[in-house]
N, C-alpha and C. Protein backbone atom coordinates (compact mmCIF):
# COMPACT_ATOMS: atom_id res chain seq x y z
N MET A 1 -18.57 21.94 34.57
CA MET A 1 -19.79 22.41 33.93
C MET A 1 -20.05 21.57 32.68
N GLN A 2 -21.31 21.24 32.49
CA GLN A 2 -21.67 20.42 31.34
C GLN A 2 -22.01 21.33 30.18
N TYR A 3 -21.37 21.09 29.03
CA TYR A 3 -21.61 21.89 27.82
C TYR A 3 -22.44 21.08 26.85
N ALA A 4 -22.91 21.75 25.81
CA ALA A 4 -23.59 21.05 24.73
C ALA A 4 -22.64 20.00 24.15
N GLU A 5 -23.18 18.90 23.65
CA GLU A 5 -22.35 17.77 23.22
C GLU A 5 -21.32 18.15 22.15
N PRO A 6 -21.64 19.00 21.16
CA PRO A 6 -20.59 19.38 20.20
C PRO A 6 -19.41 20.09 20.87
N ILE A 7 -19.70 20.90 21.90
CA ILE A 7 -18.61 21.57 22.62
C ILE A 7 -17.79 20.55 23.41
N ASN A 8 -18.47 19.61 24.08
CA ASN A 8 -17.75 18.55 24.80
C ASN A 8 -16.87 17.74 23.86
N ASN A 9 -17.38 17.45 22.65
CA ASN A 9 -16.58 16.70 21.67
C ASN A 9 -15.33 17.48 21.29
N LEU A 10 -15.48 18.79 21.10
CA LEU A 10 -14.33 19.63 20.75
C LEU A 10 -13.33 19.68 21.91
N ILE A 11 -13.82 19.81 23.12
CA ILE A 11 -12.94 19.82 24.30
C ILE A 11 -12.17 18.51 24.39
N ARG A 12 -12.85 17.39 24.20
CA ARG A 12 -12.18 16.09 24.25
C ARG A 12 -11.12 15.98 23.15
N ALA A 13 -11.44 16.45 21.96
CA ALA A 13 -10.48 16.37 20.85
C ALA A 13 -9.25 17.23 21.14
N ILE A 14 -9.45 18.43 21.63
CA ILE A 14 -8.33 19.33 21.92
C ILE A 14 -7.49 18.80 23.08
N SER A 15 -8.13 18.20 24.08
CA SER A 15 -7.39 17.71 25.24
C SER A 15 -6.51 16.52 24.91
N ARG A 16 -6.70 15.91 23.77
CA ARG A 16 -5.82 14.81 23.34
C ARG A 16 -4.49 15.32 22.79
N LEU A 17 -4.39 16.62 22.55
CA LEU A 17 -3.13 17.19 22.09
C LEU A 17 -2.12 17.14 23.24
N PRO A 18 -0.83 16.91 22.93
CA PRO A 18 0.16 16.83 24.01
C PRO A 18 0.29 18.15 24.77
N GLY A 19 0.33 18.05 26.09
CA GLY A 19 0.52 19.23 26.93
C GLY A 19 -0.73 20.04 27.17
N ILE A 20 -1.88 19.57 26.67
CA ILE A 20 -3.13 20.30 26.83
C ILE A 20 -4.02 19.55 27.82
N GLY A 21 -4.28 20.18 28.95
CA GLY A 21 -5.19 19.59 29.93
C GLY A 21 -6.62 20.00 29.65
N GLU A 22 -7.53 19.52 30.50
CA GLU A 22 -8.95 19.78 30.27
C GLU A 22 -9.29 21.27 30.37
N LYS A 23 -8.67 21.99 31.32
CA LYS A 23 -8.97 23.41 31.46
C LYS A 23 -8.53 24.21 30.24
N THR A 24 -7.31 23.92 29.77
CA THR A 24 -6.82 24.62 28.57
C THR A 24 -7.65 24.23 27.36
N ALA A 25 -8.01 22.95 27.25
CA ALA A 25 -8.85 22.50 26.13
C ALA A 25 -10.20 23.22 26.16
N THR A 26 -10.76 23.38 27.34
CA THR A 26 -12.04 24.09 27.46
C THR A 26 -11.90 25.54 27.02
N ARG A 27 -10.82 26.19 27.48
CA ARG A 27 -10.58 27.59 27.10
C ARG A 27 -10.42 27.72 25.58
N LEU A 28 -9.68 26.80 24.97
CA LEU A 28 -9.48 26.86 23.51
C LEU A 28 -10.77 26.57 22.76
N ALA A 29 -11.53 25.60 23.24
CA ALA A 29 -12.80 25.27 22.59
C ALA A 29 -13.76 26.47 22.64
N LEU A 30 -13.83 27.13 23.79
CA LEU A 30 -14.71 28.30 23.91
C LEU A 30 -14.21 29.47 23.07
N PHE A 31 -12.87 29.59 22.92
CA PHE A 31 -12.33 30.62 22.03
C PHE A 31 -12.78 30.36 20.59
N ILE A 32 -12.66 29.10 20.16
CA ILE A 32 -13.09 28.76 18.79
C ILE A 32 -14.57 29.01 18.63
N LEU A 33 -15.36 28.65 19.64
CA LEU A 33 -16.80 28.86 19.58
C LEU A 33 -17.16 30.34 19.45
N ASN A 34 -16.42 31.19 20.15
CA ASN A 34 -16.70 32.63 20.13
C ASN A 34 -16.08 33.34 18.93
N ALA A 35 -15.16 32.69 18.25
CA ALA A 35 -14.52 33.31 17.07
C ALA A 35 -15.51 33.34 15.91
N ASP A 36 -15.19 34.19 14.92
CA ASP A 36 -16.08 34.24 13.77
C ASP A 36 -15.96 32.95 12.94
N LYS A 37 -16.96 32.72 12.10
CA LYS A 37 -17.02 31.48 11.33
C LYS A 37 -15.83 31.33 10.38
N GLU A 38 -15.33 32.46 9.88
CA GLU A 38 -14.19 32.40 8.96
C GLU A 38 -12.95 31.83 9.65
N TYR A 39 -12.74 32.25 10.92
CA TYR A 39 -11.59 31.73 11.67
C TYR A 39 -11.73 30.22 11.88
N ALA A 40 -12.91 29.80 12.33
CA ALA A 40 -13.15 28.38 12.60
C ALA A 40 -13.00 27.56 11.32
N ALA A 41 -13.52 28.08 10.21
CA ALA A 41 -13.39 27.37 8.93
C ALA A 41 -11.93 27.31 8.49
N GLY A 42 -11.20 28.40 8.69
CA GLY A 42 -9.79 28.42 8.33
C GLY A 42 -8.98 27.44 9.16
N LEU A 43 -9.29 27.34 10.45
CA LEU A 43 -8.60 26.39 11.32
C LEU A 43 -8.89 24.96 10.88
N ALA A 44 -10.15 24.67 10.60
CA ALA A 44 -10.53 23.33 10.14
C ALA A 44 -9.85 23.00 8.82
N ASP A 45 -9.80 23.97 7.91
CA ASP A 45 -9.14 23.75 6.61
C ASP A 45 -7.64 23.52 6.79
N ALA A 46 -7.02 24.26 7.69
CA ALA A 46 -5.58 24.10 7.93
C ALA A 46 -5.27 22.71 8.47
N ILE A 47 -6.10 22.23 9.38
CA ILE A 47 -5.91 20.89 9.93
C ILE A 47 -6.11 19.83 8.84
N ALA A 48 -7.17 19.96 8.06
CA ALA A 48 -7.43 19.00 6.98
C ALA A 48 -6.31 19.04 5.95
N SER A 49 -5.84 20.24 5.63
CA SER A 49 -4.80 20.39 4.61
C SER A 49 -3.49 19.75 5.03
N VAL A 50 -3.12 19.94 6.30
CA VAL A 50 -1.85 19.37 6.75
C VAL A 50 -1.91 17.84 6.72
N LYS A 51 -3.07 17.26 7.01
CA LYS A 51 -3.21 15.81 6.95
C LYS A 51 -3.23 15.29 5.52
N GLU A 52 -3.76 16.09 4.59
CA GLU A 52 -3.85 15.65 3.20
C GLU A 52 -2.57 15.90 2.41
N LYS A 53 -1.88 17.02 2.68
CA LYS A 53 -0.79 17.45 1.82
C LYS A 53 0.61 17.19 2.36
N VAL A 54 0.72 16.84 3.63
CA VAL A 54 2.05 16.63 4.22
C VAL A 54 2.26 15.14 4.46
N SER A 55 3.41 14.66 4.02
CA SER A 55 3.77 13.26 4.22
C SER A 55 5.24 13.19 4.58
N LEU A 56 5.77 12.00 4.78
CA LEU A 56 7.17 11.85 5.12
C LEU A 56 8.03 11.86 3.86
N CYS A 57 9.13 12.59 3.92
CA CYS A 57 10.11 12.56 2.84
C CYS A 57 10.65 11.13 2.76
N PRO A 58 10.69 10.52 1.58
CA PRO A 58 11.15 9.14 1.48
C PRO A 58 12.65 8.97 1.76
N VAL A 59 13.40 10.07 1.78
CA VAL A 59 14.84 9.99 2.01
C VAL A 59 15.15 10.12 3.49
N CYS A 60 14.70 11.23 4.12
CA CYS A 60 15.12 11.53 5.49
C CYS A 60 14.03 11.36 6.53
N MET A 61 12.82 11.10 6.10
CA MET A 61 11.68 10.88 7.00
C MET A 61 11.19 12.15 7.70
N THR A 62 11.52 13.33 7.17
CA THR A 62 10.96 14.56 7.73
C THR A 62 9.60 14.82 7.09
N PHE A 63 8.87 15.79 7.61
CA PHE A 63 7.59 16.16 7.03
C PHE A 63 7.82 17.04 5.81
N SER A 64 7.07 16.78 4.76
CA SER A 64 7.26 17.55 3.53
C SER A 64 5.95 17.62 2.76
N ASP A 65 5.77 18.74 2.04
CA ASP A 65 4.60 18.86 1.17
C ASP A 65 4.99 18.64 -0.29
N ALA A 66 6.22 18.15 -0.52
CA ALA A 66 6.69 17.83 -1.87
C ALA A 66 7.16 16.37 -1.88
N ALA A 67 7.47 15.86 -3.06
CA ALA A 67 7.91 14.47 -3.17
C ALA A 67 9.17 14.23 -2.34
N THR A 68 10.08 15.19 -2.35
CA THR A 68 11.30 15.15 -1.53
C THR A 68 11.37 16.47 -0.78
N CYS A 69 11.79 16.43 0.48
CA CYS A 69 11.82 17.66 1.27
C CYS A 69 12.85 18.65 0.72
N ARG A 70 12.76 19.90 1.15
CA ARG A 70 13.63 20.94 0.63
C ARG A 70 15.10 20.71 0.99
N ILE A 71 15.37 20.08 2.13
CA ILE A 71 16.77 19.84 2.52
C ILE A 71 17.37 18.74 1.66
N CYS A 72 16.65 17.65 1.46
CA CYS A 72 17.16 16.56 0.61
C CYS A 72 17.27 17.00 -0.86
N ALA A 73 16.41 17.92 -1.28
CA ALA A 73 16.44 18.39 -2.66
C ALA A 73 17.51 19.46 -2.89
N ASP A 74 18.08 20.02 -1.82
CA ASP A 74 19.07 21.09 -1.92
C ASP A 74 20.43 20.52 -2.32
N GLU A 75 20.87 20.82 -3.51
CA GLU A 75 22.15 20.29 -4.01
C GLU A 75 23.35 20.92 -3.33
N GLN A 76 23.14 21.99 -2.57
CA GLN A 76 24.23 22.62 -1.82
C GLN A 76 24.51 21.87 -0.51
N ARG A 77 23.61 20.98 -0.11
CA ARG A 77 23.80 20.20 1.11
C ARG A 77 24.65 18.98 0.82
N ASP A 78 25.46 18.59 1.80
CA ASP A 78 26.37 17.46 1.66
C ASP A 78 25.62 16.15 1.93
N PRO A 79 25.39 15.32 0.90
CA PRO A 79 24.65 14.08 1.12
C PRO A 79 25.48 13.00 1.82
N SER A 80 26.80 13.21 1.94
CA SER A 80 27.64 12.18 2.56
C SER A 80 27.65 12.27 4.08
N THR A 81 27.06 13.33 4.63
CA THR A 81 26.97 13.49 6.08
C THR A 81 25.50 13.49 6.47
N VAL A 82 25.13 12.56 7.34
CA VAL A 82 23.74 12.43 7.77
C VAL A 82 23.67 12.58 9.28
N CYS A 83 22.90 13.54 9.73
CA CYS A 83 22.70 13.80 11.16
C CYS A 83 21.39 13.12 11.58
N VAL A 84 21.49 12.19 12.50
CA VAL A 84 20.33 11.43 12.96
C VAL A 84 19.75 12.09 14.20
N VAL A 85 18.47 12.45 14.13
CA VAL A 85 17.78 13.09 15.25
C VAL A 85 16.55 12.28 15.62
N SER A 86 16.08 12.48 16.83
CA SER A 86 14.93 11.72 17.32
C SER A 86 13.62 12.19 16.71
N ASP A 87 13.46 13.51 16.55
CA ASP A 87 12.21 14.00 15.99
C ASP A 87 12.41 15.32 15.22
N TYR A 88 11.32 15.75 14.62
CA TYR A 88 11.33 16.93 13.76
C TYR A 88 11.81 18.18 14.50
N LYS A 89 11.42 18.32 15.77
CA LYS A 89 11.83 19.50 16.55
C LYS A 89 13.34 19.57 16.71
N ASP A 90 13.99 18.40 16.84
CA ASP A 90 15.45 18.38 16.96
C ASP A 90 16.10 18.89 15.67
N MET A 91 15.54 18.47 14.54
CA MET A 91 16.07 18.92 13.26
C MET A 91 15.91 20.43 13.11
N THR A 92 14.75 20.97 13.48
CA THR A 92 14.55 22.41 13.34
C THR A 92 15.48 23.19 14.27
N ALA A 93 15.79 22.63 15.45
CA ALA A 93 16.73 23.29 16.36
C ALA A 93 18.12 23.35 15.73
N LEU A 94 18.57 22.25 15.13
CA LEU A 94 19.88 22.25 14.48
C LEU A 94 19.89 23.17 13.26
N GLU A 95 18.81 23.19 12.52
CA GLU A 95 18.72 24.06 11.34
C GLU A 95 18.75 25.53 11.73
N SER A 96 18.17 25.88 12.86
CA SER A 96 18.10 27.29 13.25
C SER A 96 19.48 27.85 13.55
N MET A 97 20.44 26.99 13.87
CA MET A 97 21.79 27.49 14.13
C MET A 97 22.48 27.89 12.83
N GLY A 98 22.06 27.31 11.70
CA GLY A 98 22.57 27.71 10.39
C GLY A 98 23.96 27.25 10.03
N ALA A 99 24.58 26.40 10.83
CA ALA A 99 25.96 26.00 10.57
C ALA A 99 26.08 24.62 9.93
N TYR A 100 25.09 23.76 10.11
CA TYR A 100 25.16 22.39 9.59
C TYR A 100 24.71 22.38 8.14
N ARG A 101 25.51 21.80 7.26
CA ARG A 101 25.20 21.80 5.82
C ARG A 101 25.05 20.39 5.26
N GLY A 102 24.89 19.40 6.12
CA GLY A 102 24.65 18.04 5.66
C GLY A 102 23.16 17.76 5.55
N ARG A 103 22.84 16.50 5.56
CA ARG A 103 21.44 16.07 5.49
C ARG A 103 21.04 15.47 6.83
N TYR A 104 19.79 15.06 6.94
CA TYR A 104 19.24 14.54 8.20
C TYR A 104 18.60 13.18 7.99
N HIS A 105 18.37 12.52 9.13
CA HIS A 105 17.49 11.36 9.17
C HIS A 105 16.71 11.45 10.48
N ILE A 106 15.39 11.43 10.39
CA ILE A 106 14.55 11.58 11.57
C ILE A 106 13.98 10.21 11.96
N LEU A 107 14.24 9.81 13.19
CA LEU A 107 13.82 8.50 13.68
C LEU A 107 12.35 8.46 14.09
N HIS A 108 11.78 9.59 14.45
CA HIS A 108 10.41 9.67 14.98
C HIS A 108 10.29 8.90 16.28
N GLY A 109 11.27 9.09 17.16
CA GLY A 109 11.24 8.48 18.48
C GLY A 109 12.60 7.95 18.87
N ASN A 110 12.65 7.35 20.04
CA ASN A 110 13.85 6.70 20.56
C ASN A 110 13.48 5.30 21.00
N LEU A 111 14.47 4.44 21.09
CA LEU A 111 14.24 3.11 21.63
C LEU A 111 13.81 3.24 23.09
N ALA A 112 12.76 2.56 23.45
CA ALA A 112 12.25 2.58 24.83
C ALA A 112 11.56 1.24 25.08
N PRO A 113 12.35 0.19 25.33
CA PRO A 113 11.76 -1.15 25.49
C PRO A 113 10.67 -1.22 26.55
N LEU A 114 10.80 -0.47 27.64
CA LEU A 114 9.79 -0.51 28.70
C LEU A 114 8.46 0.08 28.24
N LYS A 115 8.51 0.91 27.19
CA LYS A 115 7.29 1.50 26.64
C LYS A 115 6.84 0.76 25.38
N GLY A 116 7.53 -0.32 25.05
CA GLY A 116 7.18 -1.10 23.86
C GLY A 116 7.69 -0.52 22.56
N VAL A 117 8.69 0.35 22.64
CA VAL A 117 9.25 0.96 21.42
C VAL A 117 10.58 0.28 21.11
N GLY A 118 10.58 -0.57 20.11
CA GLY A 118 11.79 -1.26 19.67
C GLY A 118 12.26 -0.72 18.33
N PRO A 119 13.26 -1.34 17.76
CA PRO A 119 13.82 -0.86 16.47
C PRO A 119 12.80 -0.80 15.33
N ASP A 120 11.80 -1.68 15.37
CA ASP A 120 10.82 -1.69 14.28
C ASP A 120 9.77 -0.59 14.41
N GLU A 121 9.69 0.06 15.57
CA GLU A 121 8.69 1.11 15.78
C GLU A 121 9.20 2.50 15.40
N ILE A 122 10.48 2.65 15.17
CA ILE A 122 11.03 3.93 14.72
C ILE A 122 11.74 3.72 13.39
N ARG A 123 12.23 4.78 12.77
CA ARG A 123 12.72 4.73 11.39
C ARG A 123 14.19 4.32 11.27
N ILE A 124 14.54 3.21 11.92
CA ILE A 124 15.92 2.70 11.84
C ILE A 124 16.15 1.97 10.53
N ARG A 125 15.18 1.20 10.10
CA ARG A 125 15.31 0.42 8.85
C ARG A 125 15.64 1.34 7.67
N GLU A 126 14.99 2.48 7.62
CA GLU A 126 15.22 3.42 6.52
C GLU A 126 16.63 4.01 6.58
N LEU A 127 17.13 4.25 7.79
CA LEU A 127 18.49 4.76 7.96
C LEU A 127 19.51 3.74 7.47
N VAL A 128 19.33 2.49 7.86
CA VAL A 128 20.25 1.43 7.42
C VAL A 128 20.22 1.31 5.90
N ALA A 129 19.05 1.41 5.30
CA ALA A 129 18.94 1.34 3.84
C ALA A 129 19.72 2.48 3.17
N ARG A 130 19.68 3.67 3.75
CA ARG A 130 20.45 4.80 3.20
C ARG A 130 21.93 4.53 3.25
N VAL A 131 22.39 4.00 4.38
CA VAL A 131 23.81 3.72 4.53
C VAL A 131 24.22 2.59 3.59
N GLU A 132 23.40 1.55 3.49
CA GLU A 132 23.69 0.42 2.60
C GLU A 132 23.77 0.85 1.14
N ALA A 133 22.97 1.84 0.76
CA ALA A 133 22.93 2.31 -0.62
C ALA A 133 24.23 2.99 -1.03
N GLY A 134 25.04 3.40 -0.07
CA GLY A 134 26.33 4.03 -0.37
C GLY A 134 26.20 5.54 -0.44
N GLY A 135 27.36 6.19 -0.41
CA GLY A 135 27.41 7.64 -0.50
C GLY A 135 27.40 8.35 0.84
N VAL A 136 27.17 7.61 1.93
CA VAL A 136 27.20 8.21 3.26
C VAL A 136 28.55 7.90 3.90
N ASN A 137 29.29 8.95 4.26
CA ASN A 137 30.60 8.77 4.88
C ASN A 137 30.56 8.93 6.40
N GLU A 138 29.67 9.81 6.89
CA GLU A 138 29.58 10.04 8.33
C GLU A 138 28.13 10.10 8.77
N VAL A 139 27.86 9.43 9.88
CA VAL A 139 26.55 9.50 10.52
C VAL A 139 26.77 10.16 11.89
N ILE A 140 26.13 11.31 12.08
CA ILE A 140 26.23 12.04 13.35
C ILE A 140 25.01 11.66 14.19
N LEU A 141 25.24 11.09 15.36
CA LEU A 141 24.15 10.71 16.24
C LEU A 141 23.81 11.88 17.14
N ALA A 142 22.64 12.47 16.92
CA ALA A 142 22.22 13.67 17.65
C ALA A 142 20.94 13.40 18.44
N THR A 143 20.84 12.19 18.99
CA THR A 143 19.71 11.90 19.87
C THR A 143 19.98 12.55 21.22
N GLY A 144 18.98 12.59 22.07
CA GLY A 144 19.12 13.24 23.37
C GLY A 144 20.10 12.51 24.28
N PHE A 145 20.40 13.13 25.41
CA PHE A 145 21.34 12.55 26.36
C PHE A 145 20.63 11.96 27.58
N ASP A 146 19.33 11.70 27.43
CA ASP A 146 18.62 10.95 28.47
C ASP A 146 18.85 9.46 28.22
N SER A 147 18.28 8.61 29.05
CA SER A 147 18.55 7.17 28.92
C SER A 147 18.08 6.61 27.58
N GLU A 148 16.92 7.07 27.10
CA GLU A 148 16.41 6.56 25.83
C GLU A 148 17.25 7.03 24.65
N GLY A 149 17.66 8.31 24.67
CA GLY A 149 18.51 8.83 23.61
C GLY A 149 19.87 8.16 23.59
N GLU A 150 20.42 7.92 24.76
CA GLU A 150 21.72 7.24 24.86
C GLU A 150 21.62 5.80 24.36
N ALA A 151 20.55 5.10 24.75
CA ALA A 151 20.36 3.72 24.29
C ALA A 151 20.20 3.67 22.77
N THR A 152 19.46 4.61 22.22
CA THR A 152 19.27 4.66 20.77
C THR A 152 20.59 4.92 20.07
N SER A 153 21.36 5.86 20.59
CA SER A 153 22.66 6.19 20.02
C SER A 153 23.60 4.99 20.05
N ALA A 154 23.68 4.30 21.19
CA ALA A 154 24.56 3.13 21.31
C ALA A 154 24.12 2.02 20.36
N TYR A 155 22.82 1.81 20.24
CA TYR A 155 22.30 0.78 19.33
C TYR A 155 22.66 1.11 17.87
N LEU A 156 22.46 2.37 17.48
CA LEU A 156 22.77 2.77 16.10
C LEU A 156 24.25 2.67 15.81
N ALA A 157 25.08 3.04 16.77
CA ALA A 157 26.53 2.96 16.56
C ALA A 157 26.94 1.52 16.29
N ARG A 158 26.45 0.58 17.09
CA ARG A 158 26.77 -0.84 16.87
C ARG A 158 26.23 -1.33 15.54
N LEU A 159 25.06 -0.86 15.17
CA LEU A 159 24.41 -1.30 13.94
C LEU A 159 25.11 -0.78 12.68
N LEU A 160 25.60 0.47 12.73
CA LEU A 160 26.12 1.13 11.53
C LEU A 160 27.63 0.95 11.31
N LYS A 161 28.39 0.75 12.35
CA LYS A 161 29.85 0.66 12.19
C LYS A 161 30.29 -0.42 11.22
N PRO A 162 29.66 -1.60 11.18
CA PRO A 162 30.08 -2.62 10.21
C PRO A 162 29.97 -2.18 8.75
N TYR A 163 29.23 -1.12 8.47
CA TYR A 163 29.09 -0.64 7.09
C TYR A 163 30.26 0.25 6.67
N GLY A 164 31.19 0.48 7.56
CA GLY A 164 32.39 1.26 7.21
C GLY A 164 32.19 2.76 7.22
N VAL A 165 31.10 3.24 7.80
CA VAL A 165 30.90 4.68 7.90
C VAL A 165 31.46 5.17 9.24
N MET A 166 31.89 6.42 9.27
CA MET A 166 32.31 7.02 10.53
C MET A 166 31.05 7.39 11.30
N VAL A 167 30.96 6.92 12.54
CA VAL A 167 29.80 7.22 13.38
C VAL A 167 30.28 8.12 14.51
N THR A 168 29.72 9.32 14.59
CA THR A 168 30.11 10.28 15.63
C THR A 168 28.89 10.61 16.48
N ARG A 169 29.16 11.20 17.64
CA ARG A 169 28.10 11.58 18.58
C ARG A 169 28.27 13.04 18.93
N LEU A 170 27.18 13.77 19.07
CA LEU A 170 27.27 15.16 19.51
C LEU A 170 28.01 15.22 20.83
N ALA A 171 28.82 16.24 21.01
CA ALA A 171 29.52 16.42 22.27
C ALA A 171 28.53 16.85 23.34
N SER A 172 28.86 16.52 24.58
CA SER A 172 28.03 16.98 25.69
C SER A 172 28.95 17.40 26.82
N GLY A 173 28.43 18.17 27.71
CA GLY A 173 29.24 18.63 28.82
C GLY A 173 28.70 19.93 29.37
N ILE A 174 29.61 20.82 29.73
CA ILE A 174 29.24 22.06 30.40
C ILE A 174 28.66 23.06 29.38
N PRO A 175 27.45 23.56 29.61
CA PRO A 175 26.87 24.53 28.69
C PRO A 175 27.62 25.86 28.72
N VAL A 176 27.57 26.57 27.61
CA VAL A 176 28.19 27.89 27.53
C VAL A 176 27.53 28.80 28.56
N GLY A 177 28.35 29.56 29.26
CA GLY A 177 27.84 30.51 30.26
C GLY A 177 27.61 29.89 31.63
N SER A 178 27.99 28.62 31.80
CA SER A 178 27.79 27.96 33.09
C SER A 178 29.08 27.96 33.90
N TYR A 179 28.96 27.62 35.16
CA TYR A 179 30.10 27.53 36.06
C TYR A 179 30.31 26.09 36.48
N VAL A 180 31.58 25.67 36.53
CA VAL A 180 31.93 24.31 36.88
C VAL A 180 31.36 23.93 38.25
N GLU A 181 31.40 24.84 39.19
CA GLU A 181 30.96 24.53 40.55
C GLU A 181 29.50 24.13 40.64
N PHE A 182 28.69 24.51 39.65
CA PHE A 182 27.27 24.20 39.69
C PHE A 182 26.88 22.98 38.87
N MET A 183 27.85 22.31 38.24
CA MET A 183 27.56 21.16 37.39
C MET A 183 27.46 19.88 38.22
N ASP A 184 26.59 18.96 37.78
CA ASP A 184 26.49 17.67 38.43
C ASP A 184 27.63 16.77 37.95
N GLY A 185 27.84 15.68 38.65
CA GLY A 185 28.95 14.79 38.35
C GLY A 185 28.90 14.18 36.96
N ALA A 186 27.71 13.80 36.50
CA ALA A 186 27.59 13.19 35.18
C ALA A 186 27.97 14.19 34.08
N THR A 187 27.52 15.44 34.22
CA THR A 187 27.85 16.47 33.24
C THR A 187 29.34 16.75 33.23
N LEU A 188 29.93 16.86 34.42
CA LEU A 188 31.37 17.10 34.50
C LEU A 188 32.16 15.93 33.92
N GLY A 189 31.70 14.72 34.17
CA GLY A 189 32.36 13.54 33.61
C GLY A 189 32.35 13.54 32.10
N ARG A 190 31.20 13.89 31.51
CA ARG A 190 31.11 13.96 30.05
C ARG A 190 32.03 15.05 29.50
N ALA A 191 32.05 16.18 30.20
CA ALA A 191 32.91 17.28 29.74
C ALA A 191 34.37 16.88 29.79
N LEU A 192 34.75 16.17 30.83
CA LEU A 192 36.14 15.74 30.97
C LEU A 192 36.50 14.71 29.91
N ASP A 193 35.61 13.76 29.69
CA ASP A 193 35.85 12.75 28.65
C ASP A 193 35.92 13.35 27.26
N GLY A 194 35.14 14.40 27.02
CA GLY A 194 35.09 15.01 25.69
C GLY A 194 36.05 16.18 25.50
N ARG A 195 37.01 16.32 26.39
CA ARG A 195 37.95 17.45 26.28
C ARG A 195 38.75 17.36 24.99
N ARG A 196 39.19 18.52 24.50
CA ARG A 196 40.01 18.57 23.28
C ARG A 196 41.13 19.58 23.44
N GLU A 197 42.13 19.43 22.61
CA GLU A 197 43.28 20.31 22.68
C GLU A 197 42.90 21.70 22.19
N VAL A 198 43.45 22.75 22.84
CA VAL A 198 43.18 24.14 22.43
C VAL A 198 44.47 24.81 22.00
């Protein structure tokens, strides 16, 4: 169905969001159109505000509305341990567990040469600068366990080890509550390689 051009423009804008197809974009656009003006104005203000007031923390590269993010500014956090994650969602997942008390570094992606993403397209340079500056004793590589996450982790390990920091990787293997008989060979292999004394 053809809509008035302002509605089509809104549908096109919404459909550019990740995971939003044309049908969902149309439904959301019509919801906004039918909502009261205060809601639409509030949504527009929220979008403008996040673009104006949120920037990257110069230390860890997370999103922040202050000069330094709350985690980097927290003196109770251990600055000598840096957990490297691929994106903001990974950091929030680790934070929700409440057990990690170090700091973070967000890469904003993984190495993916076939997609044109090399070391200069993600925040590796800033991580190396942090390590070079001193005070970092351990770098925990918490990228994903897909091919891109593994490649990024291996690249960072080779890059950082000459600086004399301990480089560790998140353990992987059998999830809690699972049965060995249902695991694939790669998962079982990782679990076996990562076994520890009890």
